[in-house]
Amino acid sequence: MDKHPVTGMEIEDGHGALPEQQQVVNHLHYIAQTRGEEAADAMRVELGLPTSAEMAAAAADAEDTNAAEHKALSDRITRLEDAFAALGKPGPENHGGTE
């Protein structure tokens, strides 16, 4: 087994070994837990990977986007239900069943 040039941890090879990139991600998680995020982030920068702060910001952005998309969809459903109710017809909430 060879040691990774940045993490200094062994890279497994052979049958059943994870791809090297996944092993490095696992190494960085371990390093963050044992030596701190600063040490892991320094290695991430050297490897051209996003730092923990950048990953947290991306996750927050994704969550904001998902929340906005969910609200837009919920608002659209409400408008459709209101439109069906104004027509006096069954709406999507009962999938067109009889009244």
N, C-alpha and C. Protein backbone atom coordinates (compact mmCIF):
# COMPACT_ATOMS: atom_id res chain seq x y z
N MET A 1 0.84 -1.19 0.00
CA MET A 1 0.00 0.00 0.00
C MET A 1 0.88 1.25 0.00
N ASP A 2 0.45 2.22 -0.78
CA ASP A 2 1.16 3.49 -0.83
C ASP A 2 0.47 4.49 0.08
N LYS A 3 1.24 5.48 0.52
CA LYS A 3 0.66 6.56 1.32
C LYS A 3 0.27 7.70 0.39
N HIS A 4 -0.85 8.33 0.70
CA HIS A 4 -1.30 9.47 -0.09
C HIS A 4 -0.34 10.62 0.16
N PRO A 5 0.06 11.34 -0.91
CA PRO A 5 1.06 12.39 -0.75
C PRO A 5 0.61 13.59 0.11
N VAL A 6 -0.68 13.80 0.22
CA VAL A 6 -1.16 14.96 1.00
C VAL A 6 -1.62 14.52 2.39
N THR A 7 -2.47 13.50 2.45
CA THR A 7 -2.99 13.10 3.76
C THR A 7 -1.99 12.28 4.56
N GLY A 8 -1.05 11.63 3.88
CA GLY A 8 -0.07 10.80 4.56
C GLY A 8 -0.64 9.47 5.03
N MET A 9 -1.89 9.20 4.67
CA MET A 9 -2.52 7.95 5.08
C MET A 9 -2.46 6.95 3.94
N GLU A 10 -2.51 5.68 4.31
CA GLU A 10 -2.38 4.63 3.31
C GLU A 10 -3.59 4.56 2.40
N ILE A 11 -3.31 4.35 1.12
CA ILE A 11 -4.35 4.15 0.10
C ILE A 11 -4.41 2.65 -0.17
N GLU A 12 -5.56 2.08 0.11
CA GLU A 12 -5.75 0.65 -0.13
C GLU A 12 -5.94 0.40 -1.62
N ASP A 13 -5.51 -0.76 -2.05
CA ASP A 13 -5.76 -1.15 -3.44
C ASP A 13 -6.17 -2.61 -3.45
N GLY A 14 -6.57 -3.06 -4.58
CA GLY A 14 -6.96 -4.45 -4.69
C GLY A 14 -8.47 -4.63 -4.59
N HIS A 15 -8.88 -5.87 -4.57
CA HIS A 15 -10.29 -6.23 -4.56
C HIS A 15 -10.99 -5.66 -3.32
N GLY A 16 -12.09 -4.96 -3.56
CA GLY A 16 -12.89 -4.43 -2.45
C GLY A 16 -12.47 -3.06 -1.96
N ALA A 17 -11.36 -2.54 -2.45
CA ALA A 17 -10.91 -1.22 -2.01
C ALA A 17 -11.78 -0.13 -2.64
N LEU A 18 -12.05 0.91 -1.86
CA LEU A 18 -12.78 2.06 -2.40
C LEU A 18 -11.92 2.79 -3.42
N PRO A 19 -12.54 3.54 -4.32
CA PRO A 19 -11.74 4.38 -5.22
C PRO A 19 -10.88 5.35 -4.41
N GLU A 20 -9.73 5.70 -4.94
CA GLU A 20 -8.79 6.56 -4.22
C GLU A 20 -9.45 7.86 -3.76
N GLN A 21 -10.25 8.49 -4.62
CA GLN A 21 -10.88 9.77 -4.26
C GLN A 21 -11.76 9.59 -3.02
N GLN A 22 -12.51 8.49 -2.94
CA GLN A 22 -13.37 8.25 -1.77
C GLN A 22 -12.52 8.00 -0.52
N GLN A 23 -11.41 7.30 -0.70
CA GLN A 23 -10.51 7.07 0.43
C GLN A 23 -9.96 8.39 0.96
N VAL A 24 -9.62 9.30 0.05
CA VAL A 24 -9.09 10.60 0.45
C VAL A 24 -10.17 11.39 1.21
N VAL A 25 -11.40 11.36 0.72
CA VAL A 25 -12.50 12.03 1.43
C VAL A 25 -12.65 11.45 2.83
N ASN A 26 -12.58 10.14 2.94
CA ASN A 26 -12.65 9.49 4.25
C ASN A 26 -11.47 9.90 5.14
N HIS A 27 -10.27 9.97 4.55
CA HIS A 27 -9.10 10.41 5.30
C HIS A 27 -9.32 11.82 5.85
N LEU A 28 -9.83 12.69 4.99
CA LEU A 28 -10.03 14.08 5.40
C LEU A 28 -11.06 14.20 6.52
N HIS A 29 -12.09 13.37 6.47
CA HIS A 29 -13.07 13.35 7.56
C HIS A 29 -12.39 12.91 8.86
N TYR A 30 -11.60 11.88 8.79
CA TYR A 30 -10.87 11.39 9.96
C TYR A 30 -9.91 12.45 10.49
N ILE A 31 -9.19 13.09 9.59
CA ILE A 31 -8.24 14.13 9.99
C ILE A 31 -8.98 15.29 10.66
N ALA A 32 -10.13 15.68 10.12
CA ALA A 32 -10.92 16.74 10.74
C ALA A 32 -11.32 16.36 12.16
N GLN A 33 -11.67 15.09 12.36
CA GLN A 33 -12.09 14.62 13.69
C GLN A 33 -10.92 14.54 14.67
N THR A 34 -9.76 14.16 14.19
CA THR A 34 -8.63 13.92 15.09
C THR A 34 -7.68 15.10 15.22
N ARG A 35 -7.51 15.87 14.15
CA ARG A 35 -6.56 16.99 14.18
C ARG A 35 -7.21 18.34 14.01
N GLY A 36 -8.53 18.35 13.72
CA GLY A 36 -9.25 19.60 13.58
C GLY A 36 -9.54 19.97 12.13
N GLU A 37 -10.57 20.80 11.97
CA GLU A 37 -10.98 21.23 10.62
C GLU A 37 -9.89 22.02 9.91
N GLU A 38 -9.12 22.82 10.66
CA GLU A 38 -8.06 23.61 10.01
C GLU A 38 -7.07 22.73 9.28
N ALA A 39 -6.67 21.64 9.92
CA ALA A 39 -5.72 20.72 9.28
C ALA A 39 -6.34 20.08 8.04
N ALA A 40 -7.60 19.64 8.18
CA ALA A 40 -8.27 19.02 7.03
C ALA A 40 -8.49 20.04 5.92
N ASP A 41 -8.89 21.27 6.28
CA ASP A 41 -9.11 22.30 5.26
C ASP A 41 -7.83 22.66 4.52
N ALA A 42 -6.70 22.69 5.21
CA ALA A 42 -5.42 22.97 4.55
C ALA A 42 -5.14 21.91 3.48
N MET A 43 -5.44 20.66 3.81
CA MET A 43 -5.24 19.57 2.84
C MET A 43 -6.25 19.67 1.70
N ARG A 44 -7.49 20.04 2.03
CA ARG A 44 -8.51 20.21 0.98
C ARG A 44 -8.06 21.27 -0.03
N VAL A 45 -7.54 22.39 0.49
CA VAL A 45 -7.07 23.46 -0.40
C VAL A 45 -5.95 22.94 -1.29
N GLU A 46 -5.01 22.22 -0.70
CA GLU A 46 -3.89 21.67 -1.47
C GLU A 46 -4.38 20.71 -2.56
N LEU A 47 -5.47 20.01 -2.27
CA LEU A 47 -6.02 19.05 -3.24
C LEU A 47 -7.02 19.68 -4.20
N GLY A 48 -7.32 20.97 -4.02
CA GLY A 48 -8.28 21.63 -4.89
C GLY A 48 -9.72 21.29 -4.55
N LEU A 49 -9.96 20.84 -3.32
CA LEU A 49 -11.31 20.49 -2.87
C LEU A 49 -11.89 21.64 -2.06
N PRO A 50 -13.21 21.74 -1.97
CA PRO A 50 -13.81 22.80 -1.18
C PRO A 50 -13.54 22.60 0.31
N THR A 51 -13.37 23.71 1.02
CA THR A 51 -13.16 23.66 2.47
C THR A 51 -14.48 23.36 3.17
N SER A 52 -14.39 23.09 4.46
CA SER A 52 -15.61 22.80 5.22
C SER A 52 -16.56 23.99 5.20
N ALA A 53 -16.04 25.21 5.26
CA ALA A 53 -16.90 26.41 5.21
C ALA A 53 -17.58 26.52 3.85
N GLU A 54 -16.85 26.22 2.79
CA GLU A 54 -17.44 26.27 1.45
C GLU A 54 -18.52 25.20 1.27
N MET A 55 -18.27 24.01 1.83
CA MET A 55 -19.27 22.94 1.74
C MET A 55 -20.52 23.31 2.55
N ALA A 56 -20.32 23.92 3.72
CA ALA A 56 -21.46 24.33 4.54
C ALA A 56 -22.27 25.41 3.83
N ALA A 57 -21.59 26.35 3.19
CA ALA A 57 -22.29 27.41 2.46
C ALA A 57 -23.07 26.82 1.29
N ALA A 58 -22.49 25.87 0.57
CA ALA A 58 -23.18 25.23 -0.55
C ALA A 58 -24.40 24.46 -0.07
N ALA A 59 -24.27 23.78 1.08
CA ALA A 59 -25.41 23.03 1.63
C ALA A 59 -26.52 23.99 2.04
N ALA A 60 -26.15 25.13 2.62
CA ALA A 60 -27.16 26.13 3.02
C ALA A 60 -27.85 26.70 1.79
N ASP A 61 -27.08 26.98 0.73
CA ASP A 61 -27.67 27.49 -0.51
C ASP A 61 -28.64 26.48 -1.10
N ALA A 62 -28.25 25.21 -1.10
CA ALA A 62 -29.12 24.16 -1.64
C ALA A 62 -30.40 24.05 -0.81
N GLU A 63 -30.27 24.16 0.50
CA GLU A 63 -31.46 24.09 1.34
C GLU A 63 -32.38 25.28 1.09
N ASP A 64 -31.80 26.47 0.93
CA ASP A 64 -32.61 27.66 0.62
C ASP A 64 -33.33 27.49 -0.72
N THR A 65 -32.62 26.96 -1.71
CA THR A 65 -33.21 26.73 -3.03
C THR A 65 -34.35 25.72 -2.93
N ASN A 66 -34.12 24.63 -2.21
CA ASN A 66 -35.17 23.62 -2.05
C ASN A 66 -36.38 24.19 -1.35
N ALA A 67 -36.16 25.02 -0.32
CA ALA A 67 -37.28 25.62 0.41
C ALA A 67 -38.06 26.56 -0.50
N ALA A 68 -37.36 27.34 -1.32
CA ALA A 68 -38.04 28.25 -2.23
C ALA A 68 -38.84 27.48 -3.28
N GLU A 69 -38.26 26.39 -3.80
CA GLU A 69 -38.98 25.58 -4.79
C GLU A 69 -40.20 24.92 -4.15
N HIS A 70 -40.07 24.46 -2.93
CA HIS A 70 -41.19 23.84 -2.23
C HIS A 70 -42.30 24.86 -2.01
N LYS A 71 -41.93 26.07 -1.61
CA LYS A 71 -42.94 27.11 -1.38
C LYS A 71 -43.64 27.46 -2.69
N ALA A 72 -42.90 27.59 -3.77
CA ALA A 72 -43.50 27.91 -5.07
C ALA A 72 -44.48 26.81 -5.49
N LEU A 73 -44.11 25.56 -5.29
CA LEU A 73 -45.00 24.46 -5.64
C LEU A 73 -46.24 24.45 -4.75
N SER A 74 -46.04 24.68 -3.46
CA SER A 74 -47.17 24.73 -2.54
C SER A 74 -48.12 25.87 -2.89
N ASP A 75 -47.56 27.03 -3.23
CA ASP A 75 -48.39 28.17 -3.65
C ASP A 75 -49.17 27.85 -4.91
N ARG A 76 -48.54 27.16 -5.85
CA ARG A 76 -49.22 26.79 -7.10
C ARG A 76 -50.38 25.84 -6.82
N ILE A 77 -50.16 24.87 -5.95
CA ILE A 77 -51.22 23.92 -5.59
C ILE A 77 -52.39 24.66 -4.95
N THR A 78 -52.06 25.59 -4.06
CA THR A 78 -53.12 26.38 -3.41
C THR A 78 -53.92 27.16 -4.44
N ARG A 79 -53.25 27.78 -5.40
CA ARG A 79 -53.96 28.54 -6.45
C ARG A 79 -54.86 27.62 -7.28
N LEU A 80 -54.36 26.42 -7.60
CA LEU A 80 -55.17 25.47 -8.36
C LEU A 80 -56.39 25.02 -7.56
N GLU A 81 -56.19 24.73 -6.29
CA GLU A 81 -57.32 24.34 -5.44
C GLU A 81 -58.35 25.46 -5.34
N ASP A 82 -57.87 26.69 -5.22
CA ASP A 82 -58.79 27.83 -5.16
C ASP A 82 -59.55 27.98 -6.48
N ALA A 83 -58.86 27.77 -7.60
CA ALA A 83 -59.51 27.88 -8.90
C ALA A 83 -60.58 26.80 -9.07
N PHE A 84 -60.28 25.57 -8.68
CA PHE A 84 -61.27 24.50 -8.75
C PHE A 84 -62.45 24.79 -7.84
N ALA A 85 -62.18 25.30 -6.65
CA ALA A 85 -63.26 25.62 -5.72
C ALA A 85 -64.16 26.71 -6.29
N ALA A 86 -63.57 27.71 -6.96
CA ALA A 86 -64.35 28.79 -7.55
C ALA A 86 -65.25 28.27 -8.67
N LEU A 87 -64.82 27.23 -9.34
CA LEU A 87 -65.62 26.63 -10.41
C LEU A 87 -66.67 25.66 -9.86
N GLY A 88 -66.56 25.36 -8.57
CA GLY A 88 -67.49 24.42 -7.98
C GLY A 88 -67.25 23.00 -8.41
N LYS A 89 -66.00 22.72 -8.79
CA LYS A 89 -65.65 21.37 -9.25
C LYS A 89 -64.69 20.74 -8.25
N PRO A 90 -64.64 19.42 -8.24
CA PRO A 90 -63.68 18.77 -7.35
C PRO A 90 -62.26 19.12 -7.77
N GLY A 91 -61.44 19.36 -6.80
CA GLY A 91 -60.06 19.76 -7.10
C GLY A 91 -59.09 18.62 -6.98
N PRO A 92 -57.81 18.95 -7.14
CA PRO A 92 -56.78 17.92 -7.11
C PRO A 92 -56.69 17.19 -5.77
N GLU A 93 -57.18 17.83 -4.69
CA GLU A 93 -57.05 17.19 -3.38
C GLU A 93 -57.79 15.86 -3.30
N ASN A 94 -58.84 15.70 -4.13
CA ASN A 94 -59.52 14.39 -4.13
C ASN A 94 -59.41 13.71 -5.49
N HIS A 95 -58.47 14.15 -6.28
CA HIS A 95 -58.11 13.54 -7.56
C HIS A 95 -59.31 13.36 -8.49
N GLY A 96 -60.17 14.36 -8.51
CA GLY A 96 -61.27 14.35 -9.45
C GLY A 96 -62.42 13.42 -9.08
N GLY A 97 -62.50 13.03 -7.83
CA GLY A 97 -63.58 12.15 -7.38
C GLY A 97 -64.94 12.87 -7.44
N THR A 98 -65.96 12.14 -7.19
CA THR A 98 -67.32 12.73 -7.26
C THR A 98 -67.67 13.43 -5.96
N GLU A 99 -68.53 14.41 -6.09
CA GLU A 99 -69.01 15.12 -4.90
C GLU A 99 -70.47 14.85 -4.72
